[in-house]
Amino acid sequence: MTPRTGYAAPDWQRRTLLGVTWFNLVTALIGGAALASGVMPALGLPLGLLDGSPFRDYLWPGIILMLVVGGTQLAPLVAYRMRLDAAWGLFAIAGFGMMTWIFIETGIIGGQSALQLGYFTTGLAQCVFVLLVLGVWPRPLLRRG
């Protein structure tokens, strides 16, 4: 589906946006299910990370990860499949949602890890690729007007 902007983005840009979104969706569902199941402390994610947070265990963070993060990743994929123009805005919301999730997560548990940096980067990539697909990003990047 090409956005109605008069700009035809290269296929690799749309495929990359779709691939990153699918990756974020699948890993949000898997990660959320793992958190909610209670298996994470046995796998090395101590409950102590939640000290000072509103959570006693990983049940609610897992449910929130699946529903909120997973849901915001699913919405643009469904809209894209249905050929709705709203898909492009939803892709951007999904990217910002992923970055927001990581900011909140690092605020609650403190510190940062390579995994958190990786997921922040996937959210940022979604936002950048939406701009590229829509033709909003200037070409070449440093062109003078």
N, C-alpha and C. Protein backbone atom coordinates (compact mmCIF):
# COMPACT_ATOMS: atom_id res chain seq x y z
N MET A 1 0.84 -1.17 0.00
CA MET A 1 0.00 0.00 0.00
C MET A 1 0.88 1.23 0.00
N THR A 2 0.66 2.11 -0.92
CA THR A 2 1.41 3.35 -1.00
C THR A 2 0.59 4.47 -0.37
N PRO A 3 1.20 5.27 0.51
CA PRO A 3 0.46 6.38 1.08
C PRO A 3 0.08 7.38 -0.01
N ARG A 4 -1.00 8.07 0.20
CA ARG A 4 -1.51 9.02 -0.80
C ARG A 4 -0.81 10.37 -0.66
N THR A 5 0.48 10.36 -0.88
CA THR A 5 1.25 11.59 -0.73
C THR A 5 1.84 12.06 -2.05
N GLY A 6 1.69 11.26 -3.08
CA GLY A 6 2.32 11.58 -4.35
C GLY A 6 3.76 11.10 -4.38
N TYR A 7 4.23 10.52 -3.30
CA TYR A 7 5.59 10.01 -3.22
C TYR A 7 5.53 8.50 -3.14
N ALA A 8 6.29 7.82 -3.98
CA ALA A 8 6.33 6.36 -3.96
C ALA A 8 7.62 5.92 -3.29
N ALA A 9 7.51 5.46 -2.05
CA ALA A 9 8.67 5.02 -1.29
C ALA A 9 9.20 3.72 -1.87
N PRO A 10 10.51 3.52 -1.81
CA PRO A 10 11.05 2.22 -2.23
C PRO A 10 10.46 1.09 -1.39
N ASP A 11 10.27 -0.06 -2.02
CA ASP A 11 9.68 -1.21 -1.33
C ASP A 11 10.44 -1.60 -0.07
N TRP A 12 11.77 -1.49 -0.08
CA TRP A 12 12.56 -1.91 1.08
C TRP A 12 12.20 -1.09 2.32
N GLN A 13 11.79 0.16 2.13
CA GLN A 13 11.44 0.99 3.28
C GLN A 13 10.12 0.51 3.91
N ARG A 14 9.14 0.21 3.07
CA ARG A 14 7.88 -0.32 3.59
C ARG A 14 8.09 -1.70 4.23
N ARG A 15 8.86 -2.54 3.57
CA ARG A 15 9.13 -3.89 4.12
C ARG A 15 9.87 -3.81 5.46
N THR A 16 10.80 -2.88 5.57
CA THR A 16 11.53 -2.71 6.83
C THR A 16 10.59 -2.25 7.93
N LEU A 17 9.74 -1.28 7.63
CA LEU A 17 8.76 -0.81 8.61
C LEU A 17 7.85 -1.95 9.05
N LEU A 18 7.36 -2.73 8.12
CA LEU A 18 6.51 -3.87 8.46
C LEU A 18 7.27 -4.91 9.28
N GLY A 19 8.50 -5.19 8.90
CA GLY A 19 9.30 -6.18 9.62
C GLY A 19 9.59 -5.77 11.05
N VAL A 20 9.95 -4.51 11.26
CA VAL A 20 10.22 -4.03 12.61
C VAL A 20 8.94 -4.08 13.45
N THR A 21 7.81 -3.74 12.85
CA THR A 21 6.54 -3.76 13.58
C THR A 21 6.15 -5.18 13.95
N TRP A 22 6.31 -6.12 13.02
CA TRP A 22 6.03 -7.52 13.33
C TRP A 22 6.95 -8.02 14.44
N PHE A 23 8.23 -7.67 14.36
CA PHE A 23 9.18 -8.07 15.39
C PHE A 23 8.74 -7.55 16.76
N ASN A 24 8.38 -6.27 16.83
CA ASN A 24 7.95 -5.68 18.09
C ASN A 24 6.68 -6.34 18.61
N LEU A 25 5.75 -6.65 17.72
CA LEU A 25 4.51 -7.30 18.13
C LEU A 25 4.79 -8.69 18.71
N VAL A 26 5.51 -9.50 17.98
CA VAL A 26 5.76 -10.88 18.41
C VAL A 26 6.54 -10.90 19.72
N THR A 27 7.57 -10.08 19.83
CA THR A 27 8.37 -10.10 21.05
C THR A 27 7.62 -9.48 22.23
N ALA A 28 6.71 -8.54 22.00
CA ALA A 28 5.88 -8.00 23.09
C ALA A 28 4.95 -9.09 23.61
N LEU A 29 4.38 -9.87 22.71
CA LEU A 29 3.48 -10.95 23.14
C LEU A 29 4.24 -12.05 23.89
N ILE A 30 5.39 -12.44 23.36
CA ILE A 30 6.19 -13.48 24.01
C ILE A 30 6.73 -12.99 25.35
N GLY A 31 7.29 -11.79 25.35
CA GLY A 31 7.84 -11.23 26.59
C GLY A 31 6.77 -10.99 27.63
N GLY A 32 5.62 -10.47 27.20
CA GLY A 32 4.53 -10.24 28.14
C GLY A 32 4.01 -11.53 28.74
N ALA A 33 3.89 -12.56 27.91
CA ALA A 33 3.43 -13.86 28.42
C ALA A 33 4.44 -14.45 29.40
N ALA A 34 5.72 -14.30 29.11
CA ALA A 34 6.76 -14.80 30.02
C ALA A 34 6.72 -14.06 31.35
N LEU A 35 6.56 -12.74 31.30
CA LEU A 35 6.47 -11.97 32.53
C LEU A 35 5.24 -12.36 33.34
N ALA A 36 4.09 -12.41 32.67
CA ALA A 36 2.83 -12.70 33.36
C ALA A 36 2.79 -14.12 33.93
N SER A 37 3.51 -15.04 33.31
CA SER A 37 3.48 -16.43 33.76
C SER A 37 4.21 -16.64 35.08
N GLY A 38 5.06 -15.69 35.45
CA GLY A 38 5.81 -15.82 36.70
C GLY A 38 7.11 -16.58 36.56
N VAL A 39 7.52 -16.90 35.34
CA VAL A 39 8.72 -17.69 35.13
C VAL A 39 10.01 -16.84 35.16
N MET A 40 9.88 -15.54 35.03
CA MET A 40 11.06 -14.70 34.88
C MET A 40 12.03 -14.72 36.06
N PRO A 41 11.57 -14.73 37.33
CA PRO A 41 12.56 -14.82 38.42
C PRO A 41 13.42 -16.08 38.32
N ALA A 42 12.84 -17.18 37.88
CA ALA A 42 13.61 -18.41 37.72
C ALA A 42 14.62 -18.31 36.57
N LEU A 43 14.35 -17.40 35.63
CA LEU A 43 15.26 -17.21 34.50
C LEU A 43 16.27 -16.09 34.73
N GLY A 44 16.29 -15.56 35.95
CA GLY A 44 17.31 -14.58 36.28
C GLY A 44 16.85 -13.14 36.34
N LEU A 45 15.56 -12.88 36.25
CA LEU A 45 15.04 -11.51 36.37
C LEU A 45 14.43 -11.38 37.76
N PRO A 46 15.21 -10.88 38.72
CA PRO A 46 14.76 -10.89 40.12
C PRO A 46 13.59 -9.93 40.37
N LEU A 47 12.74 -10.31 41.30
CA LEU A 47 11.62 -9.46 41.70
C LEU A 47 12.11 -8.17 42.34
N GLY A 48 13.33 -8.18 42.84
CA GLY A 48 13.91 -6.98 43.45
C GLY A 48 13.95 -5.79 42.51
N LEU A 49 13.94 -6.04 41.21
CA LEU A 49 13.93 -4.94 40.25
C LEU A 49 12.67 -4.09 40.38
N LEU A 50 11.63 -4.68 40.94
CA LEU A 50 10.35 -3.98 41.08
C LEU A 50 10.24 -3.21 42.39
N ASP A 51 11.27 -3.28 43.25
CA ASP A 51 11.24 -2.55 44.52
C ASP A 51 11.03 -1.06 44.24
N GLY A 52 10.09 -0.47 44.97
CA GLY A 52 9.79 0.95 44.78
C GLY A 52 8.79 1.21 43.66
N SER A 53 8.36 0.17 42.98
CA SER A 53 7.38 0.33 41.90
C SER A 53 6.00 -0.04 42.44
N PRO A 54 4.95 0.21 41.69
CA PRO A 54 3.62 -0.19 42.15
C PRO A 54 3.33 -1.68 41.98
N PHE A 55 4.31 -2.46 41.52
CA PHE A 55 4.08 -3.87 41.22
C PHE A 55 4.76 -4.78 42.23
N ARG A 56 4.06 -5.85 42.65
CA ARG A 56 4.63 -6.86 43.57
C ARG A 56 5.33 -7.96 42.80
N ASP A 57 4.84 -8.21 41.58
CA ASP A 57 5.41 -9.26 40.74
C ASP A 57 5.28 -8.80 39.29
N TYR A 58 5.60 -9.69 38.36
CA TYR A 58 5.62 -9.32 36.94
C TYR A 58 4.30 -9.56 36.22
N LEU A 59 3.26 -9.94 36.95
CA LEU A 59 1.97 -10.21 36.30
C LEU A 59 1.44 -9.00 35.54
N TRP A 60 1.26 -7.87 36.22
CA TRP A 60 0.70 -6.70 35.55
C TRP A 60 1.65 -6.08 34.52
N PRO A 61 2.94 -6.01 34.78
CA PRO A 61 3.82 -5.53 33.70
C PRO A 61 3.71 -6.42 32.45
N GLY A 62 3.57 -7.73 32.64
CA GLY A 62 3.42 -8.63 31.50
C GLY A 62 2.12 -8.39 30.74
N ILE A 63 1.03 -8.21 31.49
CA ILE A 63 -0.27 -7.95 30.85
C ILE A 63 -0.23 -6.62 30.11
N ILE A 64 0.36 -5.60 30.74
CA ILE A 64 0.46 -4.29 30.09
C ILE A 64 1.31 -4.38 28.83
N LEU A 65 2.42 -5.11 28.91
CA LEU A 65 3.29 -5.28 27.74
C LEU A 65 2.52 -5.93 26.59
N MET A 66 1.78 -6.98 26.89
CA MET A 66 1.02 -7.66 25.83
C MET A 66 -0.08 -6.78 25.25
N LEU A 67 -0.87 -6.15 26.13
CA LEU A 67 -2.04 -5.40 25.67
C LEU A 67 -1.69 -4.03 25.10
N VAL A 68 -0.89 -3.28 25.82
CA VAL A 68 -0.61 -1.90 25.40
C VAL A 68 0.45 -1.88 24.30
N VAL A 69 1.62 -2.44 24.58
CA VAL A 69 2.69 -2.41 23.57
C VAL A 69 2.31 -3.31 22.39
N GLY A 70 1.88 -4.54 22.70
CA GLY A 70 1.45 -5.45 21.62
C GLY A 70 0.29 -4.88 20.83
N GLY A 71 -0.67 -4.28 21.53
CA GLY A 71 -1.83 -3.71 20.85
C GLY A 71 -1.48 -2.55 19.94
N THR A 72 -0.55 -1.69 20.40
CA THR A 72 -0.17 -0.57 19.53
C THR A 72 0.68 -1.03 18.35
N GLN A 73 1.30 -2.20 18.46
CA GLN A 73 2.03 -2.76 17.32
C GLN A 73 1.07 -3.47 16.36
N LEU A 74 0.03 -4.08 16.89
CA LEU A 74 -0.94 -4.79 16.07
C LEU A 74 -1.81 -3.83 15.26
N ALA A 75 -2.19 -2.72 15.85
CA ALA A 75 -3.12 -1.78 15.20
C ALA A 75 -2.65 -1.31 13.82
N PRO A 76 -1.40 -0.87 13.65
CA PRO A 76 -1.01 -0.43 12.30
C PRO A 76 -0.94 -1.58 11.30
N LEU A 77 -0.59 -2.77 11.78
CA LEU A 77 -0.54 -3.92 10.87
C LEU A 77 -1.93 -4.27 10.35
N VAL A 78 -2.93 -4.20 11.22
CA VAL A 78 -4.31 -4.45 10.80
C VAL A 78 -4.77 -3.35 9.86
N ALA A 79 -4.50 -2.10 10.23
CA ALA A 79 -4.91 -0.97 9.38
C ALA A 79 -4.23 -1.03 8.01
N TYR A 80 -2.96 -1.42 7.99
CA TYR A 80 -2.23 -1.55 6.72
C TYR A 80 -2.86 -2.64 5.86
N ARG A 81 -3.18 -3.76 6.49
CA ARG A 81 -3.80 -4.87 5.77
C ARG A 81 -5.15 -4.48 5.19
N MET A 82 -5.87 -3.63 5.93
CA MET A 82 -7.19 -3.16 5.48
C MET A 82 -7.07 -1.96 4.53
N ARG A 83 -5.84 -1.55 4.24
CA ARG A 83 -5.56 -0.43 3.35
C ARG A 83 -6.15 0.89 3.85
N LEU A 84 -6.10 1.09 5.15
CA LEU A 84 -6.59 2.33 5.75
C LEU A 84 -5.47 3.36 5.80
N ASP A 85 -5.77 4.59 5.43
CA ASP A 85 -4.76 5.64 5.50
C ASP A 85 -4.27 5.86 6.92
N ALA A 86 -5.09 5.52 7.90
CA ALA A 86 -4.71 5.68 9.30
C ALA A 86 -3.50 4.82 9.68
N ALA A 87 -3.18 3.84 8.86
CA ALA A 87 -2.05 2.95 9.19
C ALA A 87 -0.77 3.73 9.44
N TRP A 88 -0.51 4.76 8.65
CA TRP A 88 0.76 5.49 8.76
C TRP A 88 0.87 6.21 10.09
N GLY A 89 -0.19 6.83 10.55
CA GLY A 89 -0.19 7.45 11.87
C GLY A 89 -0.06 6.42 12.97
N LEU A 90 -0.71 5.27 12.78
CA LEU A 90 -0.63 4.20 13.78
C LEU A 90 0.77 3.61 13.87
N PHE A 91 1.48 3.53 12.74
CA PHE A 91 2.88 3.07 12.78
C PHE A 91 3.71 4.04 13.64
N ALA A 92 3.48 5.34 13.47
CA ALA A 92 4.22 6.33 14.26
C ALA A 92 3.87 6.21 15.74
N ILE A 93 2.57 6.03 16.05
CA ILE A 93 2.15 5.86 17.44
C ILE A 93 2.80 4.61 18.04
N ALA A 94 2.88 3.54 17.27
CA ALA A 94 3.52 2.31 17.76
C ALA A 94 4.99 2.55 18.08
N GLY A 95 5.68 3.30 17.24
CA GLY A 95 7.08 3.61 17.51
C GLY A 95 7.26 4.46 18.75
N PHE A 96 6.45 5.52 18.86
CA PHE A 96 6.53 6.36 20.05
C PHE A 96 6.11 5.56 21.29
N GLY A 97 5.14 4.68 21.14
CA GLY A 97 4.71 3.84 22.25
C GLY A 97 5.84 2.94 22.74
N MET A 98 6.59 2.37 21.82
CA MET A 98 7.71 1.51 22.20
C MET A 98 8.77 2.33 22.95
N MET A 99 9.10 3.51 22.43
CA MET A 99 10.09 4.33 23.10
C MET A 99 9.60 4.76 24.48
N THR A 100 8.32 5.09 24.60
CA THR A 100 7.74 5.49 25.89
C THR A 100 7.79 4.33 26.88
N TRP A 101 7.44 3.13 26.40
CA TRP A 101 7.51 1.94 27.27
C TRP A 101 8.91 1.78 27.86
N ILE A 102 9.92 1.95 27.02
CA ILE A 102 11.30 1.79 27.49
C ILE A 102 11.67 2.88 28.49
N PHE A 103 11.25 4.13 28.24
CA PHE A 103 11.52 5.20 29.20
C PHE A 103 10.89 4.89 30.55
N ILE A 104 9.63 4.46 30.53
CA ILE A 104 8.93 4.14 31.78
C ILE A 104 9.59 2.94 32.47
N GLU A 105 9.93 1.93 31.68
CA GLU A 105 10.57 0.74 32.25
C GLU A 105 11.89 1.09 32.93
N THR A 106 12.71 1.87 32.27
CA THR A 106 13.99 2.23 32.88
C THR A 106 13.78 3.12 34.09
N GLY A 107 12.73 3.92 34.10
CA GLY A 107 12.42 4.74 35.27
C GLY A 107 11.99 3.90 36.45
N ILE A 108 11.26 2.82 36.20
CA ILE A 108 10.78 1.96 37.27
C ILE A 108 11.87 1.06 37.81
N ILE A 109 12.60 0.39 36.93
CA ILE A 109 13.59 -0.59 37.40
C ILE A 109 14.99 -0.01 37.49
N GLY A 110 15.18 1.18 36.96
CA GLY A 110 16.50 1.81 37.02
C GLY A 110 17.47 1.16 36.06
N GLY A 111 18.53 1.89 35.78
CA GLY A 111 19.56 1.36 34.89
C GLY A 111 19.07 1.20 33.47
N GLN A 112 19.97 0.73 32.66
CA GLN A 112 19.66 0.47 31.26
C GLN A 112 20.42 -0.77 30.83
N SER A 113 19.83 -1.48 29.88
CA SER A 113 20.49 -2.69 29.38
C SER A 113 20.53 -2.61 27.85
N ALA A 114 21.30 -3.52 27.28
CA ALA A 114 21.37 -3.59 25.82
C ALA A 114 20.01 -3.93 25.23
N LEU A 115 19.24 -4.74 25.94
CA LEU A 115 17.89 -5.09 25.47
C LEU A 115 17.00 -3.86 25.41
N GLN A 116 17.06 -3.03 26.44
CA GLN A 116 16.25 -1.82 26.44
C GLN A 116 16.70 -0.86 25.33
N LEU A 117 17.99 -0.73 25.15
CA LEU A 117 18.50 0.11 24.07
C LEU A 117 18.04 -0.42 22.71
N GLY A 118 18.06 -1.75 22.57
CA GLY A 118 17.62 -2.35 21.32
C GLY A 118 16.15 -2.06 21.02
N TYR A 119 15.30 -2.19 22.03
CA TYR A 119 13.88 -1.92 21.80
C TYR A 119 13.58 -0.44 21.63
N PHE A 120 14.34 0.43 22.30
CA PHE A 120 14.20 1.86 22.04
C PHE A 120 14.53 2.13 20.57
N THR A 121 15.58 1.48 20.09
CA THR A 121 16.00 1.65 18.70
C THR A 121 14.95 1.16 17.72
N THR A 122 14.26 0.05 18.04
CA THR A 122 13.21 -0.41 17.12
C THR A 122 12.05 0.58 17.07
N GLY A 123 11.73 1.19 18.21
CA GLY A 123 10.68 2.22 18.21
C GLY A 123 11.10 3.43 17.40
N LEU A 124 12.34 3.85 17.57
CA LEU A 124 12.86 4.97 16.79
C LEU A 124 12.87 4.63 15.30
N ALA A 125 13.24 3.40 14.97
CA ALA A 125 13.26 2.98 13.56
C ALA A 125 11.85 3.05 12.96
N GLN A 126 10.84 2.65 13.73
CA GLN A 126 9.48 2.75 13.21
C GLN A 126 9.14 4.20 12.87
N CYS A 127 9.49 5.11 13.76
CA CYS A 127 9.19 6.53 13.51
C CYS A 127 9.94 7.05 12.29
N VAL A 128 11.21 6.70 12.18
CA VAL A 128 12.01 7.15 11.04
C VAL A 128 11.46 6.58 9.73
N PHE A 129 11.13 5.28 9.72
CA PHE A 129 10.66 4.67 8.47
C PHE A 129 9.28 5.17 8.06
N VAL A 130 8.45 5.58 9.01
CA VAL A 130 7.19 6.21 8.65
C VAL A 130 7.47 7.50 7.89
N LEU A 131 8.42 8.29 8.39
CA LEU A 131 8.77 9.53 7.70
C LEU A 131 9.33 9.26 6.31
N LEU A 132 10.15 8.22 6.20
CA LEU A 132 10.71 7.87 4.89
C LEU A 132 9.62 7.41 3.92
N VAL A 133 8.74 6.52 4.39
CA VAL A 133 7.69 5.98 3.52
C VAL A 133 6.76 7.09 3.07
N LEU A 134 6.46 8.03 3.94
CA LEU A 134 5.56 9.14 3.59
C LEU A 134 6.25 10.21 2.75
N GLY A 135 7.57 10.12 2.63
CA GLY A 135 8.30 11.12 1.85
C GLY A 135 8.49 12.42 2.60
N VAL A 136 8.35 12.39 3.92
CA VAL A 136 8.48 13.59 4.74
C VAL A 136 9.95 13.91 4.98
N TRP A 137 10.77 12.88 5.11
CA TRP A 137 12.19 13.07 5.35
C TRP A 137 12.83 13.67 4.10
N PRO A 138 13.57 14.75 4.25
CA PRO A 138 14.16 15.39 3.05
C PRO A 138 15.18 14.48 2.36
N ARG A 139 15.21 14.59 1.06
CA ARG A 139 16.15 13.79 0.25
C ARG A 139 16.96 14.73 -0.62
N PRO A 140 18.24 14.75 -0.58
CA PRO A 140 19.05 14.13 0.45
C PRO A 140 18.85 14.84 1.79
N LEU A 141 19.26 14.19 2.85
CA LEU A 141 18.97 14.64 4.20
C LEU A 141 19.42 16.06 4.47
N LEU A 142 20.59 16.43 4.02
CA LEU A 142 21.14 17.75 4.33
C LEU A 142 20.96 18.77 3.21
N ARG A 143 20.01 18.51 2.32
CA ARG A 143 19.75 19.44 1.22
C ARG A 143 19.30 20.80 1.76
N ARG A 144 19.75 21.83 1.11
CA ARG A 144 19.33 23.17 1.50
C ARG A 144 18.14 23.60 0.66
N GLY A 145 17.21 24.30 1.30
CA GLY A 145 15.97 24.69 0.63
C GLY A 145 16.08 25.88 -0.13
